[in-house]
PDB file of N, CA and C in Angstrom:
ATOM      1  N   MET A   1     -28.214  -8.964   7.768  1.00  0.00           N
ATOM      2  CA  MET A   1     -27.003  -9.313   8.296  1.00  0.00           C
ATOM      3  C   MET A   1     -26.020 -10.656   8.070  1.00  0.00           C
ATOM      4  N   THR A   2     -26.880 -11.000   7.173  1.00  0.00           N
ATOM      5  CA  THR A   2     -25.137 -11.727   6.019  1.00  0.00           C
ATOM      6  C   THR A   2     -24.168 -10.344   5.795  1.00  0.00           C
ATOM      7  N   GLU A   3     -25.274  -9.434   5.102  1.00  0.00           N
ATOM      8  CA  GLU A   3     -24.392  -8.493   4.420  1.00  0.00           C
ATOM      9  C   GLU A   3     -23.032  -7.929   5.610  1.00  0.00           C
ATOM     10  N   CYS A   4     -23.168  -7.616   6.460  1.00  0.00           N
ATOM     11  CA  CYS A   4     -22.575  -7.117   7.697  1.00  0.00           C
ATOM     12  C   CYS A   4     -21.589  -7.931   8.295  1.00  0.00           C
ATOM     13  N   GLY A   5     -21.805  -9.819   7.936  1.00  0.00           N
ATOM     14  CA  GLY A   5     -20.512 -10.457   7.993  1.00  0.00           C
ATOM     15  C   GLY A   5     -19.393 -10.463   6.636  1.00  0.00           C
ATOM     16  N   LYS A   6     -19.910 -10.593   5.190  1.00  0.00           N
ATOM     17  CA  LYS A   6     -19.747 -10.427   4.926  1.00  0.00           C
ATOM     18  C   LYS A   6     -18.246  -9.514   4.477  1.00  0.00           C
ATOM     19  N   ILE A   7     -18.775  -7.977   4.575  1.00  0.00           N
ATOM     20  CA  ILE A   7     -17.708  -6.865   4.824  1.00  0.00           C
ATOM     21  C   ILE A   7     -16.666  -7.041   6.047  1.00  0.00           C
ATOM     22  N   LEU A   8     -17.253  -7.402   7.418  1.00  0.00           N
ATOM     23  CA  LEU A   8     -16.468  -7.948   8.268  1.00  0.00           C
ATOM     24  C   LEU A   8     -15.692  -8.615   7.234  1.00  0.00           C
ATOM     25  N   ILE A   9     -15.871 -10.112   6.944  1.00  0.00           N
ATOM     26  CA  ILE A   9     -14.869 -10.686   6.474  1.00  0.00           C
ATOM     27  C   ILE A   9     -13.488 -10.286   5.201  1.00  0.00           C
ATOM     28  N   ILE A  10     -14.268  -9.439   4.331  1.00  0.00           N
ATOM     29  CA  ILE A  10     -13.205  -8.791   3.558  1.00  0.00           C
ATOM     30  C   ILE A  10     -11.951  -8.079   4.300  1.00  0.00           C
ATOM     31  N   ILE A  11     -13.124  -6.815   5.048  1.00  0.00           N
ATOM     32  CA  ILE A  11     -12.264  -5.759   6.382  1.00  0.00           C
ATOM     33  C   ILE A  11     -10.893  -6.832   6.811  1.00  0.00           C
ATOM     34  N   GLY A  12     -11.074  -7.846   7.350  1.00  0.00           N
ATOM     35  CA  GLY A  12     -10.056  -8.356   8.326  1.00  0.00           C
ATOM     36  C   GLY A  12      -8.993  -9.569   7.092  1.00  0.00           C
ATOM     37  N   LEU A  13      -9.853  -9.428   5.969  1.00  0.00           N
ATOM     38  CA  LEU A  13      -9.180 -10.370   5.432  1.00  0.00           C
ATOM     39  C   LEU A  13      -7.707  -8.471   4.726  1.00  0.00           C
ATOM     40  N   LEU A  14      -8.022  -8.141   4.379  1.00  0.00           N
ATOM     41  CA  LEU A  14      -7.441  -6.313   3.714  1.00  0.00           C
ATOM     42  C   LEU A  14      -7.005  -6.277   4.722  1.00  0.00           C
ATOM     43  N   LEU A  15      -6.829  -5.890   6.357  1.00  0.00           N
ATOM     44  CA  LEU A  15      -6.233  -5.806   7.596  1.00  0.00           C
ATOM     45  C   LEU A  15      -4.737  -7.244   7.615  1.00  0.00           C
ATOM     46  N   ALA A  16      -5.088  -8.675   6.831  1.00  0.00           N
ATOM     47  CA  ALA A  16      -4.106  -9.576   7.112  1.00  0.00           C
ATOM     48  C   ALA A  16      -3.074  -9.322   6.243  1.00  0.00           C
ATOM     49  N   ILE A  17      -3.434  -8.969   5.170  1.00  0.00           N
ATOM     50  CA  ILE A  17      -3.060  -8.996   3.938  1.00  0.00           C
ATOM     51  C   ILE A  17      -1.741  -7.705   3.832  1.00  0.00           C
ATOM     52  N   LEU A  18      -2.308  -6.478   4.938  1.00  0.00           N
ATOM     53  CA  LEU A  18      -1.060  -5.505   5.212  1.00  0.00           C
ATOM     54  C   LEU A  18      -0.571  -5.719   5.723  1.00  0.00           C
ATOM     55  N   GLY A  19      -0.842  -6.625   7.286  1.00  0.00           N
ATOM     56  CA  GLY A  19      -0.250  -6.308   7.788  1.00  0.00           C
ATOM     57  C   GLY A  19       1.510  -7.436   7.300  1.00  0.00           C
ATOM     58  N   CYS A  20       0.740  -8.213   6.228  1.00  0.00           N
ATOM     59  CA  CYS A  20       2.194  -8.912   5.795  1.00  0.00           C
ATOM     60  C   CYS A  20       2.721  -8.026   5.142  1.00  0.00           C
ATOM     61  N   ILE A  21       2.198  -7.236   4.762  1.00  0.00           N
ATOM     62  CA  ILE A  21       3.425  -5.891   3.944  1.00  0.00           C
ATOM     63  C   ILE A  21       3.998  -5.304   4.450  1.00  0.00           C
ATOM     64  N   PHE A  22       3.521  -5.313   5.571  1.00  0.00           N
ATOM     65  CA  PHE A  22       4.529  -4.612   6.491  1.00  0.00           C
ATOM     66  C   PHE A  22       5.479  -5.316   6.860  1.00  0.00           C
ATOM     67  N   LEU A  23       5.165  -6.702   7.642  1.00  0.00           N
ATOM     68  CA  LEU A  23       6.441  -7.527   7.953  1.00  0.00           C
ATOM     69  C   LEU A  23       7.146  -7.549   6.946  1.00  0.00           C
ATOM     70  N   PHE A  24       6.793  -8.341   6.209  1.00  0.00           N
ATOM     71  CA  PHE A  24       7.436  -9.023   4.812  1.00  0.00           C
ATOM     72  C   PHE A  24       7.811  -7.677   4.077  1.00  0.00           C
ATOM     73  N   GLY A  25       7.330  -6.706   3.629  1.00  0.00           N
ATOM     74  CA  GLY A  25       7.425  -5.331   3.100  1.00  0.00           C
ATOM     75  C   GLY A  25       9.095  -5.290   3.236  1.00  0.00           C
ATOM     76  N   ASN A  26      10.198  -5.021   3.815  1.00  0.00           N
ATOM     77  CA  ASN A  26      11.204  -4.476   3.610  1.00  0.00           C
ATOM     78  C   ASN A  26      12.293  -5.212   3.197  1.00  0.00           C
ATOM     79  N   LYS A  27      11.678  -6.456   2.435  1.00  0.00           N
ATOM     80  CA  LYS A  27      12.162  -7.971   1.974  1.00  0.00           C
ATOM     81  C   LYS A  27      11.878  -7.883   0.709  1.00  0.00           C
ATOM     82  N   ILE A  28      11.450  -6.850   0.175  1.00  0.00           N
ATOM     83  CA  ILE A  28      10.876  -7.086  -1.303  1.00  0.00           C
ATOM     84  C   ILE A  28      11.745  -5.668  -2.115  1.00  0.00           C
ATOM     85  N   PRO A  29      12.854  -5.890  -2.907  1.00  0.00           N
ATOM     86  CA  PRO A  29      13.871  -4.343  -2.637  1.00  0.00           C
ATOM     87  C   PRO A  29      13.082  -3.377  -3.436  1.00  0.00           C
ATOM     88  N   PHE A  30      12.525  -3.520  -4.405  1.00  0.00           N
ATOM     89  CA  PHE A  30      11.825  -2.116  -5.409  1.00  0.00           C
ATOM     90  C   PHE A  30      10.572  -1.617  -4.939  1.00  0.00           C
ATOM     91  N   ILE A  31      10.505  -1.862  -3.724  1.00  0.00           N
ATOM     92  CA  ILE A  31       9.050  -1.774  -3.143  1.00  0.00           C
ATOM     93  C   ILE A  31      10.010   0.358  -1.985  1.00  0.00           C
ATOM     94  N   GLY A  32       9.401   0.712  -2.399  1.00  0.00           N
ATOM     95  CA  GLY A  32      10.415   2.344  -2.214  1.00  0.00           C
ATOM     96  C   GLY A  32      10.794   3.203  -2.506  1.00  0.00           C
ATOM     97  N   LYS A  33      11.890   2.474  -3.622  1.00  0.00           N
ATOM     98  CA  LYS A  33      13.286   2.768  -4.325  1.00  0.00           C
ATOM     99  C   LYS A  33      12.764   2.544  -5.555  1.00  0.00           C
ATOM    100  N   LEU A  34      11.415   3.340  -5.502  1.00  0.00           N
ATOM    101  CA  LEU A  34      11.175   3.198  -7.573  1.00  0.00           C
ATOM    102  C   LEU A  34      11.934   4.811  -8.140  1.00  0.00           C
ATOM    103  N   PRO A  35      12.363   4.672  -9.495  1.00  0.00           N
ATOM    104  CA  PRO A  35      12.758   5.704  -9.800  1.00  0.00           C
ATOM    105  C   PRO A  35      11.373   6.660 -10.217  1.00  0.00           C
ATOM    106  N   GLY A  36      11.728   8.127  -9.458  1.00  0.00           N
ATOM    107  CA  GLY A  36      10.577   8.579  -9.200  1.00  0.00           C
ATOM    108  C   GLY A  36      10.371   9.362  -7.693  1.00  0.00           C
ATOM    109  N   ASP A  37      10.861   8.460  -6.693  1.00  0.00           N
ATOM    110  CA  ASP A  37      10.588   8.370  -5.648  1.00  0.00           C
ATOM    111  C   ASP A  37      11.624   9.815  -5.223  1.00  0.00           C
ATOM    112  N   ILE A  38      11.795  10.876  -4.747  1.00  0.00           N
ATOM    113  CA  ILE A  38      12.805  11.622  -4.223  1.00  0.00           C
ATOM    114  C   ILE A  38      13.344  11.137  -3.115  1.00  0.00           C
ATOM    115  N   ALA A  39      14.653  11.429  -3.011  1.00  0.00           N
ATOM    116  CA  ALA A  39      15.221  11.358  -1.563  1.00  0.00           C
ATOM    117  C   ALA A  39      16.645  12.508  -1.844  1.00  0.00           C
ATOM    118  N   VAL A  40      16.340  13.536  -0.756  1.00  0.00           N
ATOM    119  CA  VAL A  40      17.573  14.166  -0.783  1.00  0.00           C
ATOM    120  C   VAL A  40      18.635  13.600   0.791  1.00  0.00           C
ATOM    121  N   GLU A  41      19.889  14.278   0.782  1.00  0.00           N
ATOM    122  CA  GLU A  41      20.731  13.990   2.331  1.00  0.00           C
ATOM    123  C   GLU A  41      21.375  14.533   2.019  1.00  0.00           C
ATOM    124  N   LYS A  42      21.682  15.351   3.127  1.00  0.00           N
ATOM    125  CA  LYS A  42      22.680  16.154   3.094  1.00  0.00           C
ATOM    126  C   LYS A  42      23.253  15.773   4.584  1.00  0.00           C
ATOM    127  N   LYS A  43      24.241  16.495   4.903  1.00  0.00           N
ATOM    128  CA  LYS A  43      25.229  16.161   6.756  1.00  0.00           C
ATOM    129  C   LYS A  43      24.236  15.694   7.695  1.00  0.00           C
ATOM    130  N   ASN A  44      23.384  16.646   7.551  1.00  0.00           N
ATOM    131  CA  ASN A  44      22.094  17.077   8.825  1.00  0.00           C
ATOM    132  C   ASN A  44      21.288  16.535   8.917  1.00  0.00           C
ATOM    133  N   PHE A  45      21.055  16.188   7.263  1.00  0.00           N
ATOM    134  CA  PHE A  45      19.685  16.316   6.660  1.00  0.00           C
ATOM    135  C   PHE A  45      19.631  15.649   6.085  1.00  0.00           C
ATOM    136  N   SER A  46      18.154  14.237   6.135  1.00  0.00           N
ATOM    137  CA  SER A  46      17.862  13.880   5.102  1.00  0.00           C
ATOM    138  C   SER A  46      15.967  13.866   5.046  1.00  0.00           C
ATOM    139  N   PHE A  47      16.084  13.546   3.775  1.00  0.00           N
ATOM    140  CA  PHE A  47      14.281  13.442   3.224  1.00  0.00           C
ATOM    141  C   PHE A  47      14.684  12.445   2.036  1.00  0.00           C
ATOM    142  N   TYR A  48      12.714  11.703   2.421  1.00  0.00           N
ATOM    143  CA  TYR A  48      12.309  10.792   1.960  1.00  0.00           C
ATOM    144  C   TYR A  48      10.698  10.765   1.091  1.00  0.00           C
ATOM    145  N   PHE A  49      10.488  10.735  -0.339  1.00  0.00           N
ATOM    146  CA  PHE A  49       9.238  11.302  -0.603  1.00  0.00           C
ATOM    147  C   PHE A  49       8.940   9.970  -1.588  1.00  0.00           C
ATOM    148  N   PRO A  50       8.015   9.073  -1.646  1.00  0.00           N
ATOM    149  CA  PRO A  50       7.673   8.004  -1.739  1.00  0.00           C
ATOM    150  C   PRO A  50       7.057   8.357  -3.560  1.00  0.00           C
ATOM    151  N   VAL A  51       6.940   9.591  -3.754  1.00  0.00           N
ATOM    152  CA  VAL A  51       6.291   9.741  -5.522  1.00  0.00           C
ATOM    153  C   VAL A  51       5.660   9.369  -6.459  1.00  0.00           C
ATOM    154  N   THR A  52       6.597   7.726  -6.812  1.00  0.00           N
ATOM    155  CA  THR A  52       6.163   7.225  -7.487  1.00  0.00           C
ATOM    156  C   THR A  52       5.707   5.930  -6.946  1.00  0.00           C
ATOM    157  N   THR A  53       5.740   5.997  -5.633  1.00  0.00           N
ATOM    158  CA  THR A  53       5.130   4.417  -4.966  1.00  0.00           C
ATOM    159  C   THR A  53       4.146   4.981  -4.490  1.00  0.00           C
ATOM    160  N   CYS A  54       3.947   6.199  -3.935  1.00  0.00           N
ATOM    161  CA  CYS A  54       2.855   6.094  -3.409  1.00  0.00           C
ATOM    162  C   CYS A  54       1.458   6.418  -5.018  1.00  0.00           C
ATOM    163  N   ILE A  55       2.400   6.559  -5.860  1.00  0.00           N
ATOM    164  CA  ILE A  55       0.702   7.192  -7.292  1.00  0.00           C
ATOM    165  C   ILE A  55      -0.081   5.614  -8.289  1.00  0.00           C
ATOM    166  N   ILE A  56       1.564   4.815  -7.479  1.00  0.00           N
ATOM    167  CA  ILE A  56       1.605   3.277  -7.384  1.00  0.00           C
ATOM    168  C   ILE A  56       0.223   2.604  -6.942  1.00  0.00           C
ATOM    169  N   ASN A  57       0.120   2.493  -5.465  1.00  0.00           N
ATOM    170  CA  ASN A  57      -0.142   2.320  -3.885  1.00  0.00           C
ATOM    171  C   ASN A  57      -1.475   3.114  -4.301  1.00  0.00           C
ATOM    172  N   SER A  58      -1.738   3.808  -5.215  1.00  0.00           N
ATOM    173  CA  SER A  58      -2.973   4.878  -4.976  1.00  0.00           C
ATOM    174  C   SER A  58      -4.112   3.885  -6.537  1.00  0.00           C
ATOM    175  N   ILE A  59      -3.006   3.037  -7.371  1.00  0.00           N
ATOM    176  CA  ILE A  59      -3.896   2.850  -8.954  1.00  0.00           C
ATOM    177  C   ILE A  59      -4.676   1.802  -8.169  1.00  0.00           C
ATOM    178  N   VAL A  60      -3.291   0.777  -7.335  1.00  0.00           N
ATOM    179  CA  VAL A  60      -3.896  -0.612  -7.295  1.00  0.00           C
ATOM    180  C   VAL A  60      -4.941  -0.416  -6.457  1.00  0.00           C
ATOM    181  N   LEU A  61      -5.148   0.467  -4.935  1.00  0.00           N
ATOM    182  CA  LEU A  61      -5.713   0.813  -3.917  1.00  0.00           C
ATOM    183  C   LEU A  61      -7.415   0.429  -5.139  1.00  0.00           C
ATOM    184  N   SER A  62      -7.164   1.546  -6.065  1.00  0.00           N
ATOM    185  CA  SER A  62      -8.574   2.105  -6.733  1.00  0.00           C
ATOM    186  C   SER A  62      -9.120   1.005  -7.977  1.00  0.00           C
ATOM    187  N   LEU A  63      -8.027   0.234  -7.686  1.00  0.00           N
ATOM    188  CA  LEU A  63      -8.991  -0.664  -8.748  1.00  0.00           C
ATOM    189  C   LEU A  63      -9.172  -2.320  -7.778  1.00  0.00           C
ATOM    190  N   ILE A  64      -8.824  -2.284  -7.025  1.00  0.00           N
ATOM    191  CA  ILE A  64      -8.908  -3.069  -5.969  1.00  0.00           C
ATOM    192  C   ILE A  64     -10.871  -3.180  -5.373  1.00  0.00           C
ATOM    193  N   LEU A  65     -10.851  -2.020  -5.107  1.00  0.00           N
ATOM    194  CA  LEU A  65     -12.047  -0.725  -4.551  1.00  0.00           C
ATOM    195  C   LEU A  65     -12.503  -1.036  -6.008  1.00  0.00           C
ATOM    196  N   TRP A  66     -13.113  -0.296  -7.079  1.00  0.00           N
ATOM    197  CA  TRP A  66     -13.488  -0.697  -7.619  1.00  0.00           C
ATOM    198  C   TRP A  66     -14.150  -1.841  -8.385  1.00  0.00           C
ATOM    199  N   ILE A  67     -13.059  -2.665  -7.852  1.00  0.00           N
ATOM    200  CA  ILE A  67     -13.541  -4.528  -8.073  1.00  0.00           C
ATOM    201  C   ILE A  67     -14.367  -4.941  -6.776  1.00  0.00           C
ATOM    202  N   PHE A  68     -14.716  -4.350  -5.984  1.00  0.00           N
ATOM    203  CA  PHE A  68     -15.436  -4.996  -5.020  1.00  0.00           C
ATOM    204  C   PHE A  68     -16.568  -4.039  -5.502  1.00  0.00           C
ATOM    205  N   SER A  69     -16.638  -2.983  -5.872  1.00  0.00           N
ATOM    206  CA  SER A  69     -17.743  -2.063  -5.622  1.00  0.00           C
ATOM    207  C   SER A  69     -18.884  -2.680  -7.157  1.00  0.00           C
ATOM    208  N   LYS A  70     -18.229  -3.606  -7.929  1.00  0.00           N
ATOM    209  CA  LYS A  70     -18.935  -3.797  -8.874  1.00  0.00           C
ATOM    210  C   LYS A  70     -19.930  -5.373  -8.462  1.00  0.00           C
ATOM    211  N   LYS A  71     -19.491  -6.172  -7.069  1.00  0.00           N
ATOM    212  CA  LYS A  71     -19.813  -7.115  -7.145  1.00  0.00           C
ATOM    213  C   LYS A  71     -21.274  -6.551  -6.240  1.00  0.00           C
TER     214      LYS A  71
END
């Protein structure tokens, strides 16, 4: 039963961190505007795909999950 409680606490902390990122993410100037991100703007069309940002997010999340799996 204590293991379930620990998992719920960790999930709650991760959700709180994710919520803070959503609230304050637009105030961090370099997030989403890294070199390698694809942005195409035409007269009636705009397309944005954050390739580099996705790769960095994947690496960070993989490291965090790897650290938690070791405990």
